[in-house]
PDB file of N, CA and C in Angstrom:
ATOM      1  N   MET A   1     128.057  -0.411 246.299  1.00  0.00           N
ATOM      2  CA  MET A   1     127.889   0.864 247.044  1.00  0.00           C
ATOM      3  C   MET A   1     126.419   1.217 247.016  1.00  0.00           C
ATOM      4  N   ASP A   2     125.836   1.335 248.235  1.00  0.00           N
ATOM      5  CA  ASP A   2     124.428   1.708 248.248  1.00  0.00           C
ATOM      6  C   ASP A   2     124.253   3.237 247.927  1.00  0.00           C
ATOM      7  N   PRO A   3     123.008   3.553 247.623  1.00  0.00           N
ATOM      8  CA  PRO A   3     122.718   4.953 247.134  1.00  0.00           C
ATOM      9  C   PRO A   3     123.191   6.011 248.161  1.00  0.00           C
ATOM     10  N   SER A   4     123.010   5.831 249.427  1.00  0.00           N
ATOM     11  CA  SER A   4     123.364   6.838 250.382  1.00  0.00           C
ATOM     12  C   SER A   4     124.871   7.120 250.384  1.00  0.00           C
ATOM     13  N   THR A   5     125.642   6.012 250.296  1.00  0.00           N
ATOM     14  CA  THR A   5     127.047   6.187 250.226  1.00  0.00           C
ATOM     15  C   THR A   5     127.535   6.968 248.962  1.00  0.00           C
ATOM     16  N   ALA A   6     126.913   6.658 247.872  1.00  0.00           N
ATOM     17  CA  ALA A   6     127.171   7.381 246.613  1.00  0.00           C
ATOM     18  C   ALA A   6     126.789   8.842 246.745  1.00  0.00           C
ATOM     19  N   ALA A   7     125.634   9.073 247.371  1.00  0.00           N
ATOM     20  CA  ALA A   7     125.214  10.493 247.601  1.00  0.00           C
ATOM     21  C   ALA A   7     126.217  11.258 248.408  1.00  0.00           C
ATOM     22  N   VAL A   8     126.687  10.619 249.478  1.00  0.00           N
ATOM     23  CA  VAL A   8     127.675  11.296 250.372  1.00  0.00           C
ATOM     24  C   VAL A   8     128.983  11.509 249.579  1.00  0.00           C
ATOM     25  N   ALA A   9     129.395  10.638 248.767  1.00  0.00           N
ATOM     26  CA  ALA A   9     130.565  10.774 248.014  1.00  0.00           C
ATOM     27  C   ALA A   9     130.387  11.998 246.972  1.00  0.00           C
ATOM     28  N   ALA A  10     129.278  12.030 246.391  1.00  0.00           N
ATOM     29  CA  ALA A  10     128.984  13.075 245.403  1.00  0.00           C
ATOM     30  C   ALA A  10     129.000  14.375 246.124  1.00  0.00           C
ATOM     31  N   LEU A  11     128.402  14.460 247.330  1.00  0.00           N
ATOM     32  CA  LEU A  11     128.389  15.774 248.088  1.00  0.00           C
ATOM     33  C   LEU A  11     129.777  16.138 248.486  1.00  0.00           C
ATOM     34  N   LYS A  12     130.603  15.179 248.910  1.00  0.00           N
ATOM     35  CA  LYS A  12     131.957  15.521 249.236  1.00  0.00           C
ATOM     36  C   LYS A  12     132.744  16.143 248.047  1.00  0.00           C
ATOM     37  N   VAL A  13     132.467  15.620 246.940  1.00  0.00           N
ATOM     38  CA  VAL A  13     133.121  16.144 245.677  1.00  0.00           C
ATOM     39  C   VAL A  13     132.663  17.608 245.473  1.00  0.00           C
ATOM     40  N   LYS A  14     131.334  17.834 245.588  1.00  0.00           N
ATOM     41  CA  LYS A  14     130.766  19.160 245.415  1.00  0.00           C
ATOM     42  C   LYS A  14     131.292  20.132 246.455  1.00  0.00           C
ATOM     43  N   VAL A  15     131.419  19.714 247.689  1.00  0.00           N
ATOM     44  CA  VAL A  15     131.974  20.540 248.732  1.00  0.00           C
ATOM     45  C   VAL A  15     133.369  20.922 248.392  1.00  0.00           C
ATOM     46  N   ALA A  16     134.158  19.997 247.931  1.00  0.00           N
ATOM     47  CA  ALA A  16     135.547  20.312 247.545  1.00  0.00           C
ATOM     48  C   ALA A  16     135.609  21.339 246.438  1.00  0.00           C
ATOM     49  N   GLU A  17     134.736  21.207 245.485  1.00  0.00           N
ATOM     50  CA  GLU A  17     134.675  22.191 244.369  1.00  0.00           C
ATOM     51  C   GLU A  17     134.321  23.586 244.886  1.00  0.00           C
ATOM     52  N   LEU A  18     133.265  23.616 245.786  1.00  0.00           N
ATOM     53  CA  LEU A  18     132.837  24.856 246.281  1.00  0.00           C
ATOM     54  C   LEU A  18     133.922  25.559 247.230  1.00  0.00           C
ATOM     55  N   GLU A  19     134.655  24.700 247.895  1.00  0.00           N
ATOM     56  CA  GLU A  19     135.774  25.269 248.712  1.00  0.00           C
ATOM     57  C   GLU A  19     136.797  25.944 247.807  1.00  0.00           C
ATOM     58  N   LYS A  20     137.130  25.328 246.664  1.00  0.00           N
ATOM     59  CA  LYS A  20     137.969  25.939 245.700  1.00  0.00           C
ATOM     60  C   LYS A  20     137.487  27.330 245.249  1.00  0.00           C
ATOM     61  N   VAL A  21     136.198  27.329 244.920  1.00  0.00           N
ATOM     62  CA  VAL A  21     135.556  28.566 244.448  1.00  0.00           C
ATOM     63  C   VAL A  21     135.665  29.641 245.558  1.00  0.00           C
ATOM     64  N   VAL A  22     135.343  29.300 246.709  1.00  0.00           N
ATOM     65  CA  VAL A  22     135.394  30.184 247.879  1.00  0.00           C
ATOM     66  C   VAL A  22     136.844  30.760 248.033  1.00  0.00           C
ATOM     67  N   GLU A  23     137.784  29.852 247.896  1.00  0.00           N
ATOM     68  CA  GLU A  23     139.180  30.292 248.142  1.00  0.00           C
ATOM     69  C   GLU A  23     139.553  31.296 246.980  1.00  0.00           C
ATOM     70  N   SER A  24     139.155  31.072 245.805  1.00  0.00           N
ATOM     71  CA  SER A  24     139.503  31.958 244.685  1.00  0.00           C
ATOM     72  C   SER A  24     138.801  33.305 244.861  1.00  0.00           C
ATOM     73  N   LEU A  25     137.570  33.256 245.360  1.00  0.00           N
ATOM     74  CA  LEU A  25     136.814  34.473 245.640  1.00  0.00           C
ATOM     75  C   LEU A  25     137.513  35.239 246.765  1.00  0.00           C
ATOM     76  N   ARG A  26     137.988  34.573 247.758  1.00  0.00           N
ATOM     77  CA  ARG A  26     138.736  35.251 248.915  1.00  0.00           C
ATOM     78  C   ARG A  26     139.943  35.947 248.287  1.00  0.00           C
ATOM     79  N   ARG A  27     140.695  35.288 247.460  1.00  0.00           N
ATOM     80  CA  ARG A  27     141.854  35.879 246.829  1.00  0.00           C
ATOM     81  C   ARG A  27     141.462  37.096 246.080  1.00  0.00           C
ATOM     82  N   GLU A  28     140.410  36.992 245.287  1.00  0.00           N
ATOM     83  CA  GLU A  28     139.949  38.134 244.419  1.00  0.00           C
ATOM     84  C   GLU A  28     139.545  39.254 245.314  1.00  0.00           C
ATOM     85  N   ALA A  29     138.804  38.986 246.411  1.00  0.00           N
ATOM     86  CA  ALA A  29     138.373  40.047 247.335  1.00  0.00           C
ATOM     87  C   ALA A  29     139.540  40.781 247.911  1.00  0.00           C
ATOM     88  N   SER A  30     140.534  40.051 248.362  1.00  0.00           N
ATOM     89  CA  SER A  30     141.705  40.712 248.946  1.00  0.00           C
ATOM     90  C   SER A  30     142.426  41.579 247.900  1.00  0.00           C
ATOM     91  N   ARG A  31     142.485  41.036 246.662  1.00  0.00           N
ATOM     92  CA  ARG A  31     143.167  41.868 245.566  1.00  0.00           C
ATOM     93  C   ARG A  31     142.260  43.139 245.343  1.00  0.00           C
ATOM     94  N   PHE A  32     140.907  42.981 245.393  1.00  0.00           N
ATOM     95  CA  PHE A  32     140.017  44.168 245.197  1.00  0.00           C
ATOM     96  C   PHE A  32     140.251  45.152 246.335  1.00  0.00           C
ATOM     97  N   ARG A  33     140.370  44.652 247.572  1.00  0.00           N
ATOM     98  CA  ARG A  33     140.576  45.603 248.697  1.00  0.00           C
ATOM     99  C   ARG A  33     141.900  46.328 248.537  1.00  0.00           C
ATOM    100  N   GLU A  34     142.959  45.656 248.082  1.00  0.00           N
ATOM    101  CA  GLU A  34     144.188  46.336 247.797  1.00  0.00           C
ATOM    102  C   GLU A  34     144.045  47.469 246.713  1.00  0.00           C
ATOM    103  N   LYS A  35     143.293  47.140 245.656  1.00  0.00           N
ATOM    104  CA  LYS A  35     143.051  48.054 244.597  1.00  0.00           C
ATOM    105  C   LYS A  35     142.255  49.298 245.131  1.00  0.00           C
ATOM    106  N   ALA A  36     141.263  48.972 245.964  1.00  0.00           N
ATOM    107  CA  ALA A  36     140.392  50.028 246.505  1.00  0.00           C
ATOM    108  C   ALA A  36     141.228  50.939 247.362  1.00  0.00           C
ATOM    109  N   ALA A  37     142.183  50.408 248.156  1.00  0.00           N
ATOM    110  CA  ALA A  37     143.064  51.277 248.947  1.00  0.00           C
ATOM    111  C   ALA A  37     143.910  52.110 248.039  1.00  0.00           C
ATOM    112  N   GLU A  38     144.364  51.513 246.946  1.00  0.00           N
ATOM    113  CA  GLU A  38     145.181  52.242 245.975  1.00  0.00           C
ATOM    114  C   GLU A  38     144.438  53.396 245.435  1.00  0.00           C
ATOM    115  N   TYR A  39     143.139  53.128 244.977  1.00  0.00           N
ATOM    116  CA  TYR A  39     142.357  54.256 244.430  1.00  0.00           C
ATOM    117  C   TYR A  39     142.055  55.301 245.456  1.00  0.00           C
ATOM    118  N   GLU A  40     141.815  54.843 246.673  1.00  0.00           N
ATOM    119  CA  GLU A  40     141.591  55.863 247.766  1.00  0.00           C
ATOM    120  C   GLU A  40     142.769  56.826 247.852  1.00  0.00           C
ATOM    121  N   ALA A  41     143.977  56.198 247.792  1.00  0.00           N
ATOM    122  CA  ALA A  41     145.207  57.027 247.964  1.00  0.00           C
ATOM    123  C   ALA A  41     145.336  57.992 246.785  1.00  0.00           C
ATOM    124  N   VAL A  42     145.133  57.409 245.576  1.00  0.00           N
ATOM    125  CA  VAL A  42     145.254  58.251 244.376  1.00  0.00           C
ATOM    126  C   VAL A  42     144.252  59.414 244.385  1.00  0.00           C
ATOM    127  N   SER A  43     142.960  59.059 244.690  1.00  0.00           N
ATOM    128  CA  SER A  43     141.939  60.027 244.629  1.00  0.00           C
ATOM    129  C   SER A  43     142.197  61.172 245.642  1.00  0.00           C
ATOM    130  N   SER A  44     142.742  60.786 246.849  1.00  0.00           N
ATOM    131  CA  SER A  44     142.996  61.818 247.804  1.00  0.00           C
ATOM    132  C   SER A  44     144.081  62.732 247.339  1.00  0.00           C
ATOM    133  N   VAL A  45     145.062  62.189 246.582  1.00  0.00           N
ATOM    134  CA  VAL A  45     146.117  63.044 246.023  1.00  0.00           C
ATOM    135  C   VAL A  45     145.569  63.991 245.008  1.00  0.00           C
ATOM    136  N   PHE A  46     144.616  63.547 244.175  1.00  0.00           N
ATOM    137  CA  PHE A  46     144.100  64.389 243.183  1.00  0.00           C
ATOM    138  C   PHE A  46     142.954  65.252 243.683  1.00  0.00           C
ATOM    139  N   GLY A  47     142.601  65.030 244.974  1.00  0.00           N
ATOM    140  CA  GLY A  47     141.549  65.861 245.621  1.00  0.00           C
ATOM    141  C   GLY A  47     140.194  65.695 244.997  1.00  0.00           C
ATOM    142  N   LEU A  48     139.815  64.465 244.696  1.00  0.00           N
ATOM    143  CA  LEU A  48     138.476  64.199 244.230  1.00  0.00           C
ATOM    144  C   LEU A  48     137.537  64.409 245.393  1.00  0.00           C
ATOM    145  N   LYS A  49     136.350  64.846 245.090  1.00  0.00           N
ATOM    146  CA  LYS A  49     135.376  65.219 246.190  1.00  0.00           C
ATOM    147  C   LYS A  49     135.118  63.971 247.089  1.00  0.00           C
ATOM    148  N   SER A  50     134.716  62.895 246.530  1.00  0.00           N
ATOM    149  CA  SER A  50     134.547  61.697 247.407  1.00  0.00           C
ATOM    150  C   SER A  50     135.568  60.652 247.043  1.00  0.00           C
ATOM    151  N   PRO A  51     136.336  60.240 247.964  1.00  0.00           N
ATOM    152  CA  PRO A  51     137.398  59.294 247.716  1.00  0.00           C
ATOM    153  C   PRO A  51     136.863  57.991 247.102  1.00  0.00           C
ATOM    154  N   SER A  52     135.622  57.629 247.510  1.00  0.00           N
ATOM    155  CA  SER A  52     135.013  56.344 247.063  1.00  0.00           C
ATOM    156  C   SER A  52     134.656  56.375 245.609  1.00  0.00           C
ATOM    157  N   SER A  53     134.576  57.572 245.001  1.00  0.00           N
ATOM    158  CA  SER A  53     134.145  57.670 243.593  1.00  0.00           C
ATOM    159  C   SER A  53     135.167  56.891 242.698  1.00  0.00           C
ATOM    160  N   ALA A  54     136.448  56.982 243.051  1.00  0.00           N
ATOM    161  CA  ALA A  54     137.412  56.247 242.206  1.00  0.00           C
ATOM    162  C   ALA A  54     137.171  54.758 242.356  1.00  0.00           C
ATOM    163  N   VAL A  55     136.865  54.334 243.500  1.00  0.00           N
ATOM    164  CA  VAL A  55     136.612  52.898 243.694  1.00  0.00           C
ATOM    165  C   VAL A  55     135.394  52.419 242.902  1.00  0.00           C
ATOM    166  N   VAL A  56     134.373  53.243 242.951  1.00  0.00           N
ATOM    167  CA  VAL A  56     133.126  52.829 242.233  1.00  0.00           C
ATOM    168  C   VAL A  56     133.442  52.731 240.740  1.00  0.00           C
ATOM    169  N   ALA A  57     134.217  53.654 240.238  1.00  0.00           N
ATOM    170  CA  ALA A  57     134.510  53.681 238.792  1.00  0.00           C
ATOM    171  C   ALA A  57     135.249  52.419 238.415  1.00  0.00           C
ATOM    172  N   GLY A  58     136.180  52.011 239.172  1.00  0.00           N
ATOM    173  CA  GLY A  58     136.955  50.783 238.840  1.00  0.00           C
ATOM    174  C   GLY A  58     137.549  50.815 237.439  1.00  0.00           C
ATOM    175  N   GLY A  59     138.738  50.425 237.252  1.00  0.00           N
ATOM    176  CA  GLY A  59     139.288  50.497 235.925  1.00  0.00           C
ATOM    177  C   GLY A  59     140.422  51.473 235.901  1.00  0.00           C
ATOM    178  N   SER A  60     141.096  51.576 234.779  1.00  0.00           N
ATOM    179  CA  SER A  60     142.322  52.431 234.716  1.00  0.00           C
ATOM    180  C   SER A  60     141.968  53.922 234.697  1.00  0.00           C
ATOM    181  N   GLY A  61     142.813  54.714 235.208  1.00  0.00           N
ATOM    182  CA  GLY A  61     142.524  56.157 235.244  1.00  0.00           C
ATOM    183  C   GLY A  61     142.182  56.740 233.899  1.00  0.00           C
ATOM    184  N   ARG A  62     142.832  56.303 232.867  1.00  0.00           N
ATOM    185  CA  ARG A  62     142.650  56.870 231.564  1.00  0.00           C
ATOM    186  C   ARG A  62     141.213  56.755 231.098  1.00  0.00           C
ATOM    187  N   ARG A  63     140.544  55.636 231.387  1.00  0.00           N
ATOM    188  CA  ARG A  63     139.192  55.468 230.842  1.00  0.00           C
ATOM    189  C   ARG A  63     138.147  55.574 231.945  1.00  0.00           C
ATOM    190  N   CYS A  64     138.591  56.074 233.102  1.00  0.00           N
ATOM    191  CA  CYS A  64     137.651  56.153 234.262  1.00  0.00           C
ATOM    192  C   CYS A  64     136.341  56.754 233.865  1.00  0.00           C
ATOM    193  N   GLY A  65     136.354  57.892 233.250  1.00  0.00           N
ATOM    194  CA  GLY A  65     135.096  58.611 232.991  1.00  0.00           C
ATOM    195  C   GLY A  65     134.150  57.742 232.272  1.00  0.00           C
ATOM    196  N   ARG A  66     134.544  57.001 231.297  1.00  0.00           N
ATOM    197  CA  ARG A  66     133.628  56.227 230.499  1.00  0.00           C
ATOM    198  C   ARG A  66     133.072  55.000 231.338  1.00  0.00           C
ATOM    199  N   LEU A  67     133.827  54.557 232.270  1.00  0.00           N
ATOM    200  CA  LEU A  67     133.451  53.350 232.980  1.00  0.00           C
ATOM    201  C   LEU A  67     132.576  53.652 234.189  1.00  0.00           C
ATOM    202  N   VAL A  68     132.501  54.888 234.607  1.00  0.00           N
ATOM    203  CA  VAL A  68     131.795  55.220 235.829  1.00  0.00           C
ATOM    204  C   VAL A  68     130.410  54.708 235.751  1.00  0.00           C
ATOM    205  N   LYS A  69     129.713  54.939 234.599  1.00  0.00           N
ATOM    206  CA  LYS A  69     128.362  54.533 234.526  1.00  0.00           C
ATOM    207  C   LYS A  69     128.107  53.059 234.600  1.00  0.00           C
ATOM    208  N   HIS A  70     129.179  52.203 234.267  1.00  0.00           N
ATOM    209  CA  HIS A  70     128.998  50.831 234.383  1.00  0.00           C
ATOM    210  C   HIS A  70     129.190  50.326 235.861  1.00  0.00           C
ATOM    211  N   GLY A  71     129.966  51.127 236.563  1.00  0.00           N
ATOM    212  CA  GLY A  71     130.250  50.776 237.966  1.00  0.00           C
ATOM    213  C   GLY A  71     131.101  49.489 238.141  1.00  0.00           C
ATOM    214  N   GLY A  72     132.345  49.650 238.450  1.00  0.00           N
ATOM    215  CA  GLY A  72     133.141  48.496 238.795  1.00  0.00           C
ATOM    216  C   GLY A  72     133.523  47.589 237.625  1.00  0.00           C
ATOM    217  N   GLY A  73     134.403  46.670 237.845  1.00  0.00           N
ATOM    218  CA  GLY A  73     134.740  45.663 236.840  1.00  0.00           C
ATOM    219  C   GLY A  73     135.289  46.245 235.523  1.00  0.00           C
ATOM    220  N   GLY A  74     135.917  47.407 235.598  1.00  0.00           N
ATOM    221  CA  GLY A  74     136.351  48.127 234.430  1.00  0.00           C
ATOM    222  C   GLY A  74     137.345  47.338 233.617  1.00  0.00           C
ATOM    223  N   LYS A  75     138.306  46.716 234.276  1.00  0.00           N
ATOM    224  CA  LYS A  75     139.403  46.056 233.582  1.00  0.00           C
ATOM    225  C   LYS A  75     138.795  44.926 232.819  1.00  0.00           C
ATOM    226  N   ARG A  76     137.968  44.074 233.429  1.00  0.00           N
ATOM    227  CA  ARG A  76     137.397  42.936 232.731  1.00  0.00           C
ATOM    228  C   ARG A  76     136.589  43.456 231.488  1.00  0.00           C
ATOM    229  N   ARG A  77     135.854  44.493 231.681  1.00  0.00           N
ATOM    230  CA  ARG A  77     134.982  44.951 230.649  1.00  0.00           C
ATOM    231  C   ARG A  77     135.794  45.459 229.448  1.00  0.00           C
ATOM    232  N   THR A  78     136.924  46.149 229.732  1.00  0.00           N
ATOM    233  CA  THR A  78     137.704  46.724 228.577  1.00  0.00           C
ATOM    234  C   THR A  78     138.391  45.606 227.809  1.00  0.00           C
ATOM    235  N   LYS A  79     138.759  44.530 228.471  1.00  0.00           N
ATOM    236  CA  LYS A  79     139.392  43.461 227.726  1.00  0.00           C
ATOM    237  C   LYS A  79     138.433  42.796 226.762  1.00  0.00           C
ATOM    238  N   ARG A  80     137.117  42.758 227.188  1.00  0.00           N
ATOM    239  CA  ARG A  80     136.110  42.084 226.417  1.00  0.00           C
ATOM    240  C   ARG A  80     135.764  42.913 225.144  1.00  0.00           C
ATOM    241  N   ALA A  81     135.790  44.204 225.300  1.00  0.00           N
ATOM    242  CA  ALA A  81     135.336  45.117 224.271  1.00  0.00           C
ATOM    243  C   ALA A  81     136.142  45.032 222.991  1.00  0.00           C
TER     244      ALA A  81
END
């Protein structure tokens, strides 16, 4: 196998890996959009001044106040702590 064929094969493998990553990010993004819609609905029920504030906080309602300053990714951060 000459070098260019090997390079093409390696690139194809890399592209396949990246496609998997993109697909998982797409799934995560759609999950995040669902969560954001959920937070919008909840915050409008509780009459928060700006509906987006709940989305920015990210994370469970119980610990919201503490996580606001970190902005987003609340769930992941709490598991690590």
